[in-house]
Amino acid sequence: MAKKQTFGDKLKKGKEADSGLNVKVIQGYRSETGTVKYYERFVRVADIKDVDSIDLRKQ
């Protein structure tokens, strides 16, 4: 008997209700000692055009 549903089909089925994109945002900043450090975070945005308006503050 052939398999009717693949694992990929199961993943696509669950994502239909999920809207938006996950984007990894990396922001550089200077520490108190003067070295450059990077802060990275995954953020969900509705549209790729919204990436420029993301406000990431070190929390």
Protein backbone atom coordinates (compact mmCIF):
# COMPACT_ATOMS: atom_id res chain seq x y z
CA MET A 1 0.00 0.00 0.00
CA ALA A 2 1.25 3.45 -0.90
CA LYS A 3 1.50 6.19 1.66
CA LYS A 4 -1.11 8.87 0.95
CA GLN A 5 0.27 11.72 3.03
CA THR A 6 3.90 12.75 3.33
CA PHE A 7 5.53 14.53 6.24
CA GLY A 8 5.83 17.70 4.14
CA ASP A 9 2.08 17.67 3.51
CA LYS A 10 1.45 17.53 7.26
CA LEU A 11 3.67 20.56 7.84
CA LYS A 12 1.99 22.59 5.10
CA LYS A 13 -1.43 21.73 6.48
CA GLY A 14 -0.60 23.19 9.89
CA LYS A 15 0.92 26.40 8.49
CA GLU A 16 -2.16 27.56 6.60
CA ALA A 17 -3.63 29.27 9.67
CA ASP A 18 -0.28 30.86 10.52
CA SER A 19 0.32 34.22 8.86
CA GLY A 20 3.50 36.24 8.73
CA LEU A 21 7.19 35.66 8.29
CA ASN A 22 9.90 34.86 10.79
CA VAL A 23 12.88 37.13 10.21
CA LYS A 24 16.25 37.04 11.96
CA VAL A 25 17.32 40.59 12.78
CA ILE A 26 20.93 41.34 13.76
CA GLN A 27 21.81 44.71 15.23
CA GLY A 28 25.28 45.94 16.13
CA TYR A 29 25.93 48.21 19.08
CA ARG A 30 28.89 49.53 21.04
CA SER A 31 29.37 48.26 24.56
CA GLU A 32 30.50 50.45 27.45
CA THR A 33 34.10 49.39 26.85
CA GLY A 34 33.94 50.50 23.21
CA THR A 35 33.84 47.09 21.54
CA VAL A 36 31.23 46.20 18.97
CA LYS A 37 28.72 43.53 19.99
CA TYR A 38 25.81 42.06 18.11
CA TYR A 39 22.27 41.48 19.29
CA GLU A 40 20.22 39.01 17.29
CA ARG A 41 16.61 38.01 17.55
CA PHE A 42 13.86 36.29 15.56
CA VAL A 43 10.89 38.55 14.90
CA ARG A 44 7.56 37.78 13.25
CA VAL A 45 6.42 40.36 10.70
CA ALA A 46 3.25 40.46 8.62
CA ASP A 47 5.02 41.60 5.43
CA ILE A 48 8.66 41.81 4.34
CA LYS A 49 8.24 45.59 3.92
CA ASP A 50 7.81 45.91 7.70
CA VAL A 51 11.41 44.82 8.40
CA ASP A 52 12.72 48.40 8.24
CA SER A 53 10.31 49.57 10.94
CA ILE A 54 11.29 46.95 13.57
CA ASP A 55 12.43 48.53 16.83
CA LEU A 56 14.96 46.32 18.59
CA ARG A 57 16.19 47.55 21.88
CA LYS A 58 18.46 45.46 23.99
CA GLN A 59 16.29 43.91 26.69
